[in-house]
Amino acid sequence: MDMSDQQYQQYVKALAKPSPLARDMVWAFCVGGGICAGGQGLSNLYRQLGLPGEDAAAWVSITLIFLAALLTGLGLFDDIARRAGAGTLVPITGFANAMVSPALEFKHEGLVTGTGAKLFTVAGPVLAYGISASVVYGIVLWIVGQF
């Protein structure tokens, strides 16, 4: 079947289901807000248990990363993300999912060449660009401070 680009686009458009954009945005907002509210609840809990603010924040991060990784490992995070869309991309849970997913996908290749190597397919670029950006930002601040 020979089709031009325009014919193919029309064919795809005819078959595609319309997306309920407003409903999707509200649902993503609610799920993302729920994750953030849960994080705040954890922070309040850890502070009530006597942890100082910085320690409580660290434990909230650890807990959210653990829960996202656990849900990914159990196959539940993808089900939640499929329904919630961008709502699950709250940075810490989305990053944990992005780290664990490739590692699980390639676990059949072994602990080192599969899981270990693929674990950093997302983290490597994030760390490299994050560190590079912080160095550039530090240099800019140092230069601005010289004036």
N, C-alpha and C. Protein backbone atom coordinates (compact mmCIF):
# COMPACT_ATOMS: atom_id res chain seq x y z
N MET A 1 0.85 -1.18 0.00
CA MET A 1 0.00 0.00 0.00
C MET A 1 0.89 1.24 0.00
N ASP A 2 0.82 2.00 -1.07
CA ASP A 2 1.59 3.23 -1.17
C ASP A 2 0.75 4.41 -0.75
N MET A 3 1.26 5.17 0.21
CA MET A 3 0.56 6.37 0.70
C MET A 3 1.54 7.51 0.79
N SER A 4 1.04 8.67 0.53
CA SER A 4 1.86 9.86 0.75
C SER A 4 1.81 10.19 2.24
N ASP A 5 2.65 11.09 2.68
CA ASP A 5 2.65 11.50 4.08
C ASP A 5 1.30 12.09 4.49
N GLN A 6 0.72 12.89 3.61
CA GLN A 6 -0.57 13.51 3.92
C GLN A 6 -1.67 12.46 4.02
N GLN A 7 -1.66 11.49 3.12
CA GLN A 7 -2.68 10.43 3.16
C GLN A 7 -2.53 9.60 4.44
N TYR A 8 -1.30 9.33 4.81
CA TYR A 8 -1.06 8.56 6.04
C TYR A 8 -1.54 9.33 7.26
N GLN A 9 -1.25 10.62 7.32
CA GLN A 9 -1.71 11.45 8.44
C GLN A 9 -3.23 11.46 8.53
N GLN A 10 -3.89 11.56 7.39
CA GLN A 10 -5.36 11.53 7.39
C GLN A 10 -5.87 10.17 7.84
N TYR A 11 -5.22 9.10 7.41
CA TYR A 11 -5.60 7.75 7.82
C TYR A 11 -5.47 7.57 9.33
N VAL A 12 -4.36 8.01 9.89
CA VAL A 12 -4.13 7.91 11.33
C VAL A 12 -5.14 8.76 12.08
N LYS A 13 -5.39 9.96 11.61
CA LYS A 13 -6.34 10.86 12.27
C LYS A 13 -7.75 10.27 12.28
N ALA A 14 -8.12 9.57 11.23
CA ALA A 14 -9.45 8.95 11.15
C ALA A 14 -9.59 7.80 12.14
N LEU A 15 -8.49 7.10 12.41
CA LEU A 15 -8.54 5.95 13.31
C LEU A 15 -8.32 6.31 14.78
N ALA A 16 -7.70 7.43 15.03
CA ALA A 16 -7.36 7.81 16.41
C ALA A 16 -8.60 8.22 17.19
N LYS A 17 -8.65 7.76 18.43
CA LYS A 17 -9.75 8.15 19.31
C LYS A 17 -9.46 9.55 19.86
N PRO A 18 -10.47 10.39 19.97
CA PRO A 18 -10.22 11.70 20.55
C PRO A 18 -9.87 11.58 22.03
N SER A 19 -8.95 12.39 22.46
CA SER A 19 -8.50 12.36 23.85
C SER A 19 -9.31 13.36 24.68
N PRO A 20 -9.85 12.89 25.81
CA PRO A 20 -10.57 13.82 26.69
C PRO A 20 -9.55 14.66 27.48
N LEU A 21 -9.03 15.69 26.86
CA LEU A 21 -7.92 16.46 27.40
C LEU A 21 -8.22 17.07 28.76
N ALA A 22 -9.38 17.69 28.92
CA ALA A 22 -9.70 18.34 30.20
C ALA A 22 -9.75 17.31 31.32
N ARG A 23 -10.39 16.18 31.08
CA ARG A 23 -10.47 15.13 32.10
C ARG A 23 -9.08 14.58 32.43
N ASP A 24 -8.26 14.38 31.40
CA ASP A 24 -6.90 13.88 31.63
C ASP A 24 -6.08 14.85 32.46
N MET A 25 -6.22 16.14 32.19
CA MET A 25 -5.46 17.14 32.95
C MET A 25 -5.91 17.19 34.41
N VAL A 26 -7.21 17.12 34.64
CA VAL A 26 -7.72 17.15 36.01
C VAL A 26 -7.25 15.90 36.76
N TRP A 27 -7.33 14.75 36.12
CA TRP A 27 -6.92 13.51 36.76
C TRP A 27 -5.42 13.54 37.07
N ALA A 28 -4.59 14.01 36.12
CA ALA A 28 -3.15 14.11 36.36
C ALA A 28 -2.86 15.07 37.51
N PHE A 29 -3.58 16.17 37.56
CA PHE A 29 -3.42 17.14 38.65
C PHE A 29 -3.76 16.50 39.99
N CYS A 30 -4.85 15.74 40.03
CA CYS A 30 -5.28 15.10 41.28
C CYS A 30 -4.28 14.05 41.74
N VAL A 31 -3.79 13.22 40.82
CA VAL A 31 -2.83 12.19 41.20
C VAL A 31 -1.51 12.82 41.63
N GLY A 32 -1.00 13.78 40.85
CA GLY A 32 0.24 14.46 41.23
C GLY A 32 0.10 15.19 42.55
N GLY A 33 -1.05 15.85 42.73
CA GLY A 33 -1.31 16.53 43.99
C GLY A 33 -1.42 15.55 45.15
N GLY A 34 -1.99 14.37 44.88
CA GLY A 34 -2.08 13.34 45.91
C GLY A 34 -0.72 12.84 46.34
N ILE A 35 0.18 12.67 45.36
CA ILE A 35 1.55 12.25 45.69
C ILE A 35 2.23 13.32 46.52
N CYS A 36 2.07 14.57 46.13
CA CYS A 36 2.68 15.67 46.89
C CYS A 36 2.08 15.79 48.29
N ALA A 37 0.76 15.63 48.38
CA ALA A 37 0.10 15.68 49.69
C ALA A 37 0.57 14.52 50.56
N GLY A 38 0.74 13.36 49.95
CA GLY A 38 1.28 12.22 50.70
C GLY A 38 2.69 12.49 51.19
N GLY A 39 3.49 13.13 50.36
CA GLY A 39 4.84 13.51 50.78
C GLY A 39 4.82 14.49 51.94
N GLN A 40 3.90 15.45 51.89
CA GLN A 40 3.77 16.40 52.99
C GLN A 40 3.30 15.70 54.26
N GLY A 41 2.39 14.74 54.10
CA GLY A 41 1.93 13.96 55.25
C GLY A 41 3.07 13.16 55.87
N LEU A 42 3.91 12.57 55.03
CA LEU A 42 5.07 11.85 55.54
C LEU A 42 6.02 12.80 56.27
N SER A 43 6.20 13.99 55.71
CA SER A 43 7.07 14.97 56.36
C SER A 43 6.53 15.33 57.74
N ASN A 44 5.25 15.57 57.82
CA ASN A 44 4.64 15.88 59.11
C ASN A 44 4.80 14.72 60.09
N LEU A 45 4.61 13.49 59.60
CA LEU A 45 4.75 12.31 60.45
C LEU A 45 6.18 12.18 60.98
N TYR A 46 7.15 12.33 60.09
CA TYR A 46 8.55 12.20 60.51
C TYR A 46 8.94 13.30 61.49
N ARG A 47 8.39 14.49 61.31
CA ARG A 47 8.68 15.57 62.27
C ARG A 47 8.05 15.28 63.62
N GLN A 48 6.86 14.71 63.61
CA GLN A 48 6.21 14.35 64.88
C GLN A 48 6.98 13.24 65.59
N LEU A 49 7.67 12.42 64.83
CA LEU A 49 8.49 11.37 65.43
C LEU A 49 9.81 11.91 65.97
N GLY A 50 10.02 13.22 65.81
CA GLY A 50 11.19 13.85 66.41
C GLY A 50 12.34 14.14 65.47
N LEU A 51 12.17 13.91 64.17
CA LEU A 51 13.26 14.21 63.24
C LEU A 51 13.31 15.70 62.94
N PRO A 52 14.51 16.29 62.86
CA PRO A 52 14.61 17.68 62.42
C PRO A 52 14.17 17.83 60.96
N GLY A 53 13.90 19.04 60.54
CA GLY A 53 13.36 19.32 59.20
C GLY A 53 14.13 18.68 58.06
N GLU A 54 15.46 18.85 58.05
CA GLU A 54 16.27 18.30 56.96
C GLU A 54 16.24 16.78 56.95
N ASP A 55 16.29 16.17 58.12
CA ASP A 55 16.25 14.71 58.19
C ASP A 55 14.88 14.19 57.76
N ALA A 56 13.83 14.89 58.17
CA ALA A 56 12.48 14.49 57.77
C ALA A 56 12.34 14.56 56.25
N ALA A 57 12.87 15.61 55.64
CA ALA A 57 12.81 15.75 54.18
C ALA A 57 13.58 14.63 53.49
N ALA A 58 14.72 14.26 54.04
CA ALA A 58 15.50 13.17 53.46
C ALA A 58 14.73 11.85 53.54
N TRP A 59 14.07 11.61 54.68
CA TRP A 59 13.31 10.38 54.83
C TRP A 59 12.07 10.36 53.95
N VAL A 60 11.49 11.52 53.70
CA VAL A 60 10.36 11.59 52.75
C VAL A 60 10.85 11.17 51.37
N SER A 61 11.98 11.70 50.94
CA SER A 61 12.54 11.34 49.63
C SER A 61 12.82 9.84 49.56
N ILE A 62 13.44 9.31 50.61
CA ILE A 62 13.75 7.88 50.64
C ILE A 62 12.47 7.05 50.55
N THR A 63 11.46 7.44 51.30
CA THR A 63 10.20 6.70 51.32
C THR A 63 9.51 6.74 49.96
N LEU A 64 9.45 7.92 49.33
CA LEU A 64 8.79 8.03 48.03
C LEU A 64 9.54 7.25 46.95
N ILE A 65 10.87 7.29 47.00
CA ILE A 65 11.67 6.53 46.03
C ILE A 65 11.43 5.04 46.23
N PHE A 66 11.45 4.60 47.49
CA PHE A 66 11.21 3.19 47.78
C PHE A 66 9.84 2.75 47.30
N LEU A 67 8.81 3.53 47.60
CA LEU A 67 7.45 3.16 47.20
C LEU A 67 7.30 3.11 45.68
N ALA A 68 7.88 4.10 44.99
CA ALA A 68 7.80 4.11 43.52
C ALA A 68 8.54 2.91 42.93
N ALA A 69 9.71 2.60 43.48
CA ALA A 69 10.48 1.45 43.00
C ALA A 69 9.74 0.15 43.28
N LEU A 70 9.15 0.04 44.46
CA LEU A 70 8.39 -1.16 44.82
C LEU A 70 7.18 -1.34 43.90
N LEU A 71 6.44 -0.26 43.69
CA LEU A 71 5.28 -0.33 42.81
C LEU A 71 5.69 -0.66 41.37
N THR A 72 6.84 -0.15 40.94
CA THR A 72 7.35 -0.48 39.60
C THR A 72 7.69 -1.96 39.53
N GLY A 73 8.38 -2.45 40.55
CA GLY A 73 8.75 -3.85 40.58
C GLY A 73 7.55 -4.79 40.61
N LEU A 74 6.49 -4.37 41.26
CA LEU A 74 5.27 -5.18 41.32
C LEU A 74 4.40 -5.03 40.08
N GLY A 75 4.79 -4.10 39.19
CA GLY A 75 4.02 -3.87 37.97
C GLY A 75 2.82 -2.97 38.16
N LEU A 76 2.70 -2.33 39.31
CA LEU A 76 1.55 -1.48 39.59
C LEU A 76 1.75 -0.04 39.15
N PHE A 77 3.00 0.44 39.16
CA PHE A 77 3.27 1.83 38.81
C PHE A 77 2.82 2.13 37.39
N ASP A 78 3.09 1.21 36.48
CA ASP A 78 2.69 1.42 35.08
C ASP A 78 1.18 1.48 34.93
N ASP A 79 0.46 0.67 35.71
CA ASP A 79 -1.00 0.73 35.67
C ASP A 79 -1.51 2.08 36.18
N ILE A 80 -0.90 2.57 37.24
CA ILE A 80 -1.27 3.87 37.79
C ILE A 80 -0.93 4.96 36.77
N ALA A 81 0.26 4.89 36.19
CA ALA A 81 0.69 5.90 35.23
C ALA A 81 -0.17 5.90 33.98
N ARG A 82 -0.62 4.73 33.57
CA ARG A 82 -1.47 4.65 32.38
C ARG A 82 -2.76 5.42 32.59
N ARG A 83 -3.28 5.39 33.79
CA ARG A 83 -4.52 6.11 34.10
C ARG A 83 -4.26 7.56 34.47
N ALA A 84 -3.18 7.81 35.20
CA ALA A 84 -2.92 9.15 35.72
C ALA A 84 -2.12 10.02 34.77
N GLY A 85 -1.49 9.43 33.79
CA GLY A 85 -0.71 10.20 32.83
C GLY A 85 0.45 10.91 33.51
N ALA A 86 0.57 12.19 33.24
CA ALA A 86 1.69 12.97 33.74
C ALA A 86 1.63 13.17 35.26
N GLY A 87 0.54 12.83 35.89
CA GLY A 87 0.44 13.00 37.33
C GLY A 87 1.45 12.19 38.11
N THR A 88 1.90 11.06 37.54
CA THR A 88 2.89 10.23 38.22
C THR A 88 4.31 10.70 37.96
N LEU A 89 4.45 11.72 37.15
CA LEU A 89 5.78 12.22 36.83
C LEU A 89 6.29 13.25 37.84
N VAL A 90 5.63 13.31 38.99
CA VAL A 90 6.15 14.14 40.06
C VAL A 90 7.62 13.74 40.18
N PRO A 91 8.54 14.68 40.15
CA PRO A 91 9.94 14.34 39.88
C PRO A 91 10.51 13.13 40.62
N ILE A 92 10.29 12.99 41.88
CA ILE A 92 10.98 11.92 42.59
C ILE A 92 10.39 10.55 42.27
N THR A 93 9.08 10.44 42.14
CA THR A 93 8.49 9.14 41.83
C THR A 93 8.72 8.78 40.37
N GLY A 94 8.63 9.75 39.49
CA GLY A 94 8.88 9.49 38.07
C GLY A 94 10.31 9.08 37.81
N PHE A 95 11.25 9.71 38.52
CA PHE A 95 12.66 9.38 38.36
C PHE A 95 12.93 7.98 38.89
N ALA A 96 12.34 7.63 40.04
CA ALA A 96 12.53 6.29 40.59
C ALA A 96 11.99 5.24 39.62
N ASN A 97 10.83 5.50 39.04
CA ASN A 97 10.26 4.58 38.06
C ASN A 97 11.16 4.46 36.83
N ALA A 98 11.69 5.58 36.38
CA ALA A 98 12.55 5.58 35.20
C ALA A 98 13.86 4.84 35.46
N MET A 99 14.30 4.81 36.70
CA MET A 99 15.53 4.08 37.05
C MET A 99 15.26 2.57 37.12
N VAL A 100 14.15 2.19 37.71
CA VAL A 100 13.89 0.77 37.97
C VAL A 100 13.38 0.05 36.72
N SER A 101 12.59 0.71 35.90
CA SER A 101 11.99 0.06 34.73
C SER A 101 13.01 -0.59 33.79
N PRO A 102 14.05 0.13 33.34
CA PRO A 102 15.00 -0.52 32.44
C PRO A 102 15.77 -1.64 33.13
N ALA A 103 16.03 -1.48 34.42
CA ALA A 103 16.75 -2.53 35.14
C ALA A 103 15.93 -3.81 35.17
N LEU A 104 14.63 -3.69 35.39
CA LEU A 104 13.76 -4.87 35.40
C LEU A 104 13.62 -5.48 34.02
N GLU A 105 13.57 -4.61 33.02
CA GLU A 105 13.39 -5.07 31.65
C GLU A 105 14.56 -5.94 31.19
N PHE A 106 15.76 -5.63 31.66
CA PHE A 106 16.95 -6.33 31.19
C PHE A 106 17.54 -7.27 32.23
N LYS A 107 16.77 -7.63 33.27
CA LYS A 107 17.31 -8.50 34.31
C LYS A 107 17.66 -9.88 33.79
N HIS A 108 17.05 -10.31 32.69
CA HIS A 108 17.37 -11.63 32.12
C HIS A 108 18.79 -11.69 31.56
N GLU A 109 19.42 -10.53 31.36
CA GLU A 109 20.79 -10.49 30.84
C GLU A 109 21.82 -10.62 31.94
N GLY A 110 21.38 -10.69 33.18
CA GLY A 110 22.31 -10.87 34.30
C GLY A 110 22.35 -9.65 35.20
N LEU A 111 22.96 -9.84 36.38
CA LEU A 111 23.01 -8.74 37.35
C LEU A 111 23.90 -7.60 36.91
N VAL A 112 25.04 -7.90 36.28
CA VAL A 112 25.98 -6.85 35.91
C VAL A 112 25.64 -6.26 34.55
N THR A 113 25.58 -7.10 33.53
CA THR A 113 25.36 -6.59 32.17
C THR A 113 23.91 -6.24 31.89
N GLY A 114 23.00 -6.77 32.65
CA GLY A 114 21.58 -6.45 32.46
C GLY A 114 21.12 -5.38 33.41
N THR A 115 20.83 -5.81 34.64
CA THR A 115 20.28 -4.90 35.64
C THR A 115 21.24 -3.76 35.96
N GLY A 116 22.48 -4.09 36.28
CA GLY A 116 23.44 -3.05 36.67
C GLY A 116 23.70 -2.02 35.58
N ALA A 117 23.85 -2.49 34.35
CA ALA A 117 24.15 -1.58 33.25
C ALA A 117 22.94 -0.73 32.89
N LYS A 118 21.77 -1.34 32.85
CA LYS A 118 20.57 -0.61 32.42
C LYS A 118 20.02 0.30 33.51
N LEU A 119 20.40 0.07 34.76
CA LEU A 119 19.94 0.91 35.86
C LEU A 119 20.34 2.36 35.63
N PHE A 120 21.46 2.56 34.96
CA PHE A 120 21.97 3.92 34.79
C PHE A 120 21.70 4.50 33.41
N THR A 121 20.82 3.89 32.62
CA THR A 121 20.51 4.45 31.31
C THR A 121 19.82 5.81 31.45
N VAL A 122 19.06 6.00 32.49
CA VAL A 122 18.40 7.28 32.73
C VAL A 122 19.23 8.12 33.69
N ALA A 123 19.74 7.51 34.74
CA ALA A 123 20.46 8.26 35.77
C ALA A 123 21.75 8.87 35.23
N GLY A 124 22.43 8.17 34.34
CA GLY A 124 23.71 8.68 33.83
C GLY A 124 23.58 10.05 33.19
N PRO A 125 22.72 10.21 32.19
CA PRO A 125 22.57 11.53 31.57
C PRO A 125 22.04 12.58 32.55
N VAL A 126 21.14 12.19 33.43
CA VAL A 126 20.60 13.15 34.40
C VAL A 126 21.72 13.64 35.30
N LEU A 127 22.53 12.72 35.80
CA LEU A 127 23.64 13.12 36.66
C LEU A 127 24.66 13.96 35.90
N ALA A 128 25.01 13.53 34.69
CA ALA A 128 26.01 14.27 33.91
C ALA A 128 25.56 15.69 33.62
N TYR A 129 24.33 15.85 33.13
CA TYR A 129 23.84 17.18 32.82
C TYR A 129 23.55 17.99 34.09
N GLY A 130 23.09 17.33 35.13
CA GLY A 130 22.83 18.04 36.39
C GLY A 130 24.10 18.58 37.00
N ILE A 131 25.15 17.77 37.03
CA ILE A 131 26.43 18.22 37.58
C ILE A 131 27.02 19.32 36.70
N SER A 132 26.95 19.13 35.39
CA SER A 132 27.47 20.16 34.47
C SER A 132 26.73 21.48 34.64
N ALA A 133 25.41 21.41 34.74
CA ALA A 133 24.62 22.64 34.93
C ALA A 133 24.96 23.31 36.25
N SER A 134 25.19 22.53 37.30
CA SER A 134 25.52 23.14 38.60
C SER A 134 26.89 23.81 38.55
N VAL A 135 27.84 23.24 37.80
CA VAL A 135 29.16 23.86 37.66
C VAL A 135 29.03 25.18 36.91
N VAL A 136 28.28 25.17 35.80
CA VAL A 136 28.08 26.40 35.02
C VAL A 136 27.38 27.45 35.89
N TYR A 137 26.36 27.04 36.62
CA TYR A 137 25.63 27.96 37.50
C TYR A 137 26.56 28.53 38.57
N GLY A 138 27.41 27.70 39.15
CA GLY A 138 28.36 28.16 40.16
C GLY A 138 29.35 29.17 39.58
N ILE A 139 29.82 28.92 38.37
CA ILE A 139 30.76 29.85 37.73
C ILE A 139 30.08 31.19 37.47
N VAL A 140 28.83 31.14 36.97
CA VAL A 140 28.08 32.38 36.72
C VAL A 140 27.90 33.14 38.03
N LEU A 141 27.53 32.47 39.09
CA LEU A 141 27.36 33.14 40.38
C LEU A 141 28.68 33.73 40.88
N TRP A 142 29.77 33.01 40.67
CA TRP A 142 31.08 33.51 41.10
C TRP A 142 31.44 34.77 40.30
N ILE A 143 31.19 34.76 38.98
CA ILE A 143 31.50 35.91 38.13
C ILE A 143 30.63 37.10 38.54
N VAL A 144 29.33 36.87 38.75
CA VAL A 144 28.44 37.95 39.15
C VAL A 144 28.86 38.51 40.51
N GLY A 145 29.32 37.64 41.40
CA GLY A 145 29.77 38.09 42.72
C GLY A 145 31.05 38.91 42.69
N GLN A 146 31.80 38.85 41.60
CA GLN A 146 33.04 39.60 41.48
C GLN A 146 32.80 41.08 41.17
N PHE A 147 31.61 41.42 40.75
CA PHE A 147 31.31 42.81 40.38
C PHE A 147 30.71 43.57 41.50
